[in-house]
Amino acid sequence: MIRELPNPFEDGKCFFCGVDNPSGLKLIFFHDDETGQTFVEYTPEEKYCGQGEIFHGGMQMGLLDETMWWAVHAVTGEELAVTAGASFRFLRPVFIGEPVRAVCVVKAREGASIRLSGWIENAAGKKCTTVRGEYRVVSPDKYRALLDAKQG
């Protein structure tokens, strides 16, 4: 069964998923309970162009990082999880104006560490960019300290 994932963030500021960010993408994520895949569909806009008609690599990495968080949330229910590290590979170009799907899967959890893998695939189903990443679940106090770091 494929289910839409409700956004747990009330402030709506996130660039990728925030509904109240006027510059944001306002993405809606889904989870397939049968395959374990969390995914989002998106058509890269011209304003996110790198060279030529290629979707900027930094935006691709951000899209995959965001999809990893949603996979963590969908599978574990955790909200207080942050990126610990990620490794990206660019296999083929992702083009502006052509729909893509970003997909991530939780591979393992050991304590506070959650390992994931994912990819961006084009409309033909070919993998364009891949990621292997790790998220770390943090305590509410640590999470608050991260958010409040600018004030300190």
C-alpha atoms as a PDB file:
ATOM      1  CA  MET A   1       0.000   0.000   0.000  1.00  0.00           C
ATOM      2  CA  ILE A   2       1.288   3.452  -0.904  1.00  0.00           C
ATOM      3  CA  ARG A   3       0.521   6.173   1.610  1.00  0.00           C
ATOM      4  CA  GLU A   4       1.087   9.914   1.641  1.00  0.00           C
ATOM      5  CA  LEU A   5       3.258  10.979   4.555  1.00  0.00           C
ATOM      6  CA  PRO A   6       1.820  13.874   6.567  1.00  0.00           C
ATOM      7  CA  ASN A   7       4.283  16.680   7.240  1.00  0.00           C
ATOM      8  CA  PRO A   8       5.036  16.809  10.995  1.00  0.00           C
ATOM      9  CA  PHE A   9       6.657  20.250  10.891  1.00  0.00           C
ATOM     10  CA  GLU A  10       4.205  22.959  11.870  1.00  0.00           C
ATOM     11  CA  ASP A  11       6.403  25.950  10.970  1.00  0.00           C
ATOM     12  CA  GLY A  12       6.372  25.046   7.248  1.00  0.00           C
ATOM     13  CA  LYS A  13       9.805  26.631   6.645  1.00  0.00           C
ATOM     14  CA  CYS A  14      11.691  23.713   5.105  1.00  0.00           C
ATOM     15  CA  PHE A  15      12.935  24.496   1.605  1.00  0.00           C
ATOM     16  CA  PHE A  16      12.012  21.062   0.288  1.00  0.00           C
ATOM     17  CA  CYS A  17       8.796  20.167   2.149  1.00  0.00           C
ATOM     18  CA  GLY A  18       7.615  23.357   3.859  1.00  0.00           C
ATOM     19  CA  VAL A  19       4.204  24.512   2.706  1.00  0.00           C
ATOM     20  CA  ASP A  20       4.826  28.056   3.964  1.00  0.00           C
ATOM     21  CA  ASN A  21       8.194  28.648   2.299  1.00  0.00           C
ATOM     22  CA  PRO A  22       7.473  30.923  -0.688  1.00  0.00           C
ATOM     23  CA  SER A  23      10.765  29.922  -2.366  1.00  0.00           C
ATOM     24  CA  GLY A  24      10.446  26.236  -1.483  1.00  0.00           C
ATOM     25  CA  LEU A  25       9.503  23.175  -3.489  1.00  0.00           C
ATOM     26  CA  LYS A  26       6.547  22.145  -1.274  1.00  0.00           C
ATOM     27  CA  LEU A  27       7.204  18.461  -1.955  1.00  0.00           C
ATOM     28  CA  ILE A  28       4.869  15.717  -0.746  1.00  0.00           C
ATOM     29  CA  PHE A  29       6.458  12.389   0.144  1.00  0.00           C
ATOM     30  CA  PHE A  30       5.019   8.884  -0.050  1.00  0.00           C
ATOM     31  CA  HIS A  31       5.917   5.497   1.400  1.00  0.00           C
ATOM     32  CA  ASP A  32       5.296   2.106  -0.168  1.00  0.00           C
ATOM     33  CA  ASP A  33       4.789  -0.377   2.666  1.00  0.00           C
ATOM     34  CA  GLU A  34       5.357  -3.371   0.363  1.00  0.00           C
ATOM     35  CA  THR A  35       8.732  -2.293  -1.067  1.00  0.00           C
ATOM     36  CA  GLY A  36       9.900  -0.205   1.902  1.00  0.00           C
ATOM     37  CA  GLN A  37      10.589   2.684  -0.456  1.00  0.00           C
ATOM     38  CA  THR A  38       9.976   6.297   0.456  1.00  0.00           C
ATOM     39  CA  PHE A  39       9.721   8.518  -2.602  1.00  0.00           C
ATOM     40  CA  VAL A  40       8.827  11.878  -4.084  1.00  0.00           C
ATOM     41  CA  GLU A  41       8.160  12.904  -7.653  1.00  0.00           C
ATOM     42  CA  TYR A  42       9.474  16.218  -8.915  1.00  0.00           C
ATOM     43  CA  THR A  43      10.112  18.008 -12.186  1.00  0.00           C
ATOM     44  CA  PRO A  44      13.277  20.145 -11.901  1.00  0.00           C
ATOM     45  CA  GLU A  45      12.629  23.805 -12.615  1.00  0.00           C
ATOM     46  CA  GLU A  46      14.867  26.021 -14.769  1.00  0.00           C
ATOM     47  CA  LYS A  47      15.806  28.212 -11.805  1.00  0.00           C
ATOM     48  CA  TYR A  48      17.661  25.174 -10.360  1.00  0.00           C
ATOM     49  CA  CYS A  49      19.817  24.688 -13.437  1.00  0.00           C
ATOM     50  CA  GLY A  50      23.529  23.948 -13.220  1.00  0.00           C
ATOM     51  CA  GLN A  51      25.299  23.827 -16.589  1.00  0.00           C
ATOM     52  CA  GLY A  52      23.330  23.617 -19.827  1.00  0.00           C
ATOM     53  CA  GLU A  53      19.978  22.040 -19.074  1.00  0.00           C
ATOM     54  CA  ILE A  54      21.226  19.872 -16.196  1.00  0.00           C
ATOM     55  CA  PHE A  55      19.562  19.972 -12.765  1.00  0.00           C
ATOM     56  CA  HIS A  56      22.181  21.371 -10.381  1.00  0.00           C
ATOM     57  CA  GLY A  57      24.101  18.641  -8.541  1.00  0.00           C
ATOM     58  CA  GLY A  58      23.751  20.435  -5.210  1.00  0.00           C
ATOM     59  CA  MET A  59      19.992  20.422  -5.609  1.00  0.00           C
ATOM     60  CA  GLN A  60      20.073  16.714  -6.444  1.00  0.00           C
ATOM     61  CA  MET A  61      22.037  16.054  -3.254  1.00  0.00           C
ATOM     62  CA  GLY A  62      19.561  18.135  -1.251  1.00  0.00           C
ATOM     63  CA  LEU A  63      16.621  16.282  -2.753  1.00  0.00           C
ATOM     64  CA  LEU A  64      18.156  12.930  -1.832  1.00  0.00           C
ATOM     65  CA  ASP A  65      19.074  14.117   1.670  1.00  0.00           C
ATOM     66  CA  GLU A  66      15.489  15.241   2.228  1.00  0.00           C
ATOM     67  CA  THR A  67      14.165  11.938   0.910  1.00  0.00           C
ATOM     68  CA  MET A  68      16.455  10.093   3.341  1.00  0.00           C
ATOM     69  CA  TRP A  69      14.936  12.015   6.260  1.00  0.00           C
ATOM     70  CA  TRP A  70      11.428  11.129   5.110  1.00  0.00           C
ATOM     71  CA  ALA A  71      12.462   7.453   4.801  1.00  0.00           C
ATOM     72  CA  VAL A  72      13.777   7.521   8.379  1.00  0.00           C
ATOM     73  CA  HIS A  73      10.533   9.094   9.557  1.00  0.00           C
ATOM     74  CA  ALA A  74       8.308   6.712   7.561  1.00  0.00           C
ATOM     75  CA  VAL A  75      10.067   3.554   8.746  1.00  0.00           C
ATOM     76  CA  THR A  76      11.050   4.419  12.326  1.00  0.00           C
ATOM     77  CA  GLY A  77       8.646   7.198  13.283  1.00  0.00           C
ATOM     78  CA  GLU A  78      11.617   9.302  14.380  1.00  0.00           C
ATOM     79  CA  GLU A  79      11.426  13.050  13.811  1.00  0.00           C
ATOM     80  CA  LEU A  80      14.558  14.106  15.677  1.00  0.00           C
ATOM     81  CA  ALA A  81      17.067  12.685  13.224  1.00  0.00           C
ATOM     82  CA  VAL A  82      19.841  14.563  11.445  1.00  0.00           C
ATOM     83  CA  THR A  83      22.238  13.817   8.622  1.00  0.00           C
ATOM     84  CA  ALA A  84      25.477  12.270   9.889  1.00  0.00           C
ATOM     85  CA  GLY A  85      26.999  11.741   6.442  1.00  0.00           C
ATOM     86  CA  ALA A  86      26.262  10.937   2.830  1.00  0.00           C
ATOM     87  CA  SER A  87      28.098   9.834  -0.297  1.00  0.00           C
ATOM     88  CA  PHE A  88      26.686  10.675  -3.726  1.00  0.00           C
ATOM     89  CA  ARG A  89      27.447   9.326  -7.202  1.00  0.00           C
ATOM     90  CA  PHE A  90      26.353  11.043 -10.387  1.00  0.00           C
ATOM     91  CA  LEU A  91      25.746   8.379 -13.036  1.00  0.00           C
ATOM     92  CA  ARG A  92      23.925  10.318 -15.757  1.00  0.00           C
ATOM     93  CA  PRO A  93      22.473  13.830 -16.111  1.00  0.00           C
ATOM     94  CA  VAL A  94      19.128  14.836 -14.655  1.00  0.00           C
ATOM     95  CA  PHE A  95      17.568  17.380 -16.987  1.00  0.00           C
ATOM     96  CA  ILE A  96      15.504  20.457 -16.252  1.00  0.00           C
ATOM     97  CA  GLY A  97      11.829  19.996 -17.129  1.00  0.00           C
ATOM     98  CA  GLU A  98      11.954  16.183 -17.124  1.00  0.00           C
ATOM     99  CA  PRO A  99      10.140  14.418 -14.256  1.00  0.00           C
ATOM    100  CA  VAL A 100      12.167  12.370 -11.800  1.00  0.00           C
ATOM    101  CA  ARG A 101      11.528  10.249  -8.760  1.00  0.00           C
ATOM    102  CA  ALA A 102      13.786  10.356  -5.689  1.00  0.00           C
ATOM    103  CA  VAL A 103      13.666   7.090  -3.727  1.00  0.00           C
ATOM    104  CA  CYS A 104      15.243   6.063  -0.412  1.00  0.00           C
ATOM    105  CA  VAL A 105      15.224   2.866   1.631  1.00  0.00           C
ATOM    106  CA  VAL A 106      16.267   2.300   5.233  1.00  0.00           C
ATOM    107  CA  LYS A 107      18.907  -0.444   5.144  1.00  0.00           C
ATOM    108  CA  ALA A 108      19.743  -0.875   8.831  1.00  0.00           C
ATOM    109  CA  ARG A 109      19.399   0.629  12.266  1.00  0.00           C
ATOM    110  CA  GLU A 110      21.927   0.196  15.034  1.00  0.00           C
ATOM    111  CA  GLY A 111      21.018   2.241  18.086  1.00  0.00           C
ATOM    112  CA  ALA A 112      20.879   5.905  17.088  1.00  0.00           C
ATOM    113  CA  SER A 113      22.467   5.255  13.666  1.00  0.00           C
ATOM    114  CA  ILE A 114      20.245   4.644  10.636  1.00  0.00           C
ATOM    115  CA  ARG A 115      21.850   3.680   7.300  1.00  0.00           C
ATOM    116  CA  LEU A 116      20.059   4.350   4.034  1.00  0.00           C
ATOM    117  CA  SER A 117      20.473   4.102   0.301  1.00  0.00           C
ATOM    118  CA  GLY A 118      18.644   5.925  -2.430  1.00  0.00           C
ATOM    119  CA  TRP A 119      18.622   7.249  -5.943  1.00  0.00           C
ATOM    120  CA  ILE A 120      17.092   9.665  -8.401  1.00  0.00           C
ATOM    121  CA  GLU A 121      15.624   7.942 -11.415  1.00  0.00           C
ATOM    122  CA  ASN A 122      14.449   9.513 -14.656  1.00  0.00           C
ATOM    123  CA  ALA A 123      11.117   8.901 -16.394  1.00  0.00           C
ATOM    124  CA  ALA A 124      12.635   5.881 -18.178  1.00  0.00           C
ATOM    125  CA  GLY A 125      13.431   4.331 -14.772  1.00  0.00           C
ATOM    126  CA  LYS A 126      17.213   4.743 -15.168  1.00  0.00           C
ATOM    127  CA  LYS A 127      19.202   5.656 -12.064  1.00  0.00           C
ATOM    128  CA  CYS A 128      20.850   9.042 -12.471  1.00  0.00           C
ATOM    129  CA  THR A 129      22.222   9.834  -9.018  1.00  0.00           C
ATOM    130  CA  THR A 130      22.722   7.543  -6.029  1.00  0.00           C
ATOM    131  CA  VAL A 131      23.291   8.097  -2.320  1.00  0.00           C
ATOM    132  CA  ARG A 132      24.438   6.074   0.645  1.00  0.00           C
ATOM    133  CA  GLY A 133      23.839   7.917   3.861  1.00  0.00           C
ATOM    134  CA  GLU A 134      23.591   7.790   7.603  1.00  0.00           C
ATOM    135  CA  TYR A 135      21.180   9.605   9.859  1.00  0.00           C
ATOM    136  CA  ARG A 136      21.576   9.949  13.593  1.00  0.00           C
ATOM    137  CA  VAL A 137      18.666  10.086  16.025  1.00  0.00           C
ATOM    138  CA  VAL A 138      19.314  12.776  18.638  1.00  0.00           C
ATOM    139  CA  SER A 139      17.713  13.576  21.975  1.00  0.00           C
ATOM    140  CA  PRO A 140      15.161  16.385  22.218  1.00  0.00           C
ATOM    141  CA  ASP A 141      17.735  18.464  24.133  1.00  0.00           C
ATOM    142  CA  LYS A 142      20.409  17.956  21.463  1.00  0.00           C
ATOM    143  CA  TYR A 143      17.913  18.731  18.698  1.00  0.00           C
ATOM    144  CA  ARG A 144      16.810  21.933  20.428  1.00  0.00           C
ATOM    145  CA  ALA A 145      20.477  22.915  20.920  1.00  0.00           C
ATOM    146  CA  LEU A 146      21.065  22.457  17.178  1.00  0.00           C
ATOM    147  CA  LEU A 147      18.092  24.659  16.332  1.00  0.00           C
ATOM    148  CA  ASP A 148      19.069  27.270  18.914  1.00  0.00           C
ATOM    149  CA  ALA A 149      22.783  27.326  17.979  1.00  0.00           C
ATOM    150  CA  LYS A 150      22.461  30.673  16.199  1.00  0.00           C
ATOM    151  CA  GLN A 151      21.244  32.317  19.393  1.00  0.00           C
ATOM    152  CA  GLY A 152      24.216  30.953  21.378  1.00  0.00           C
END
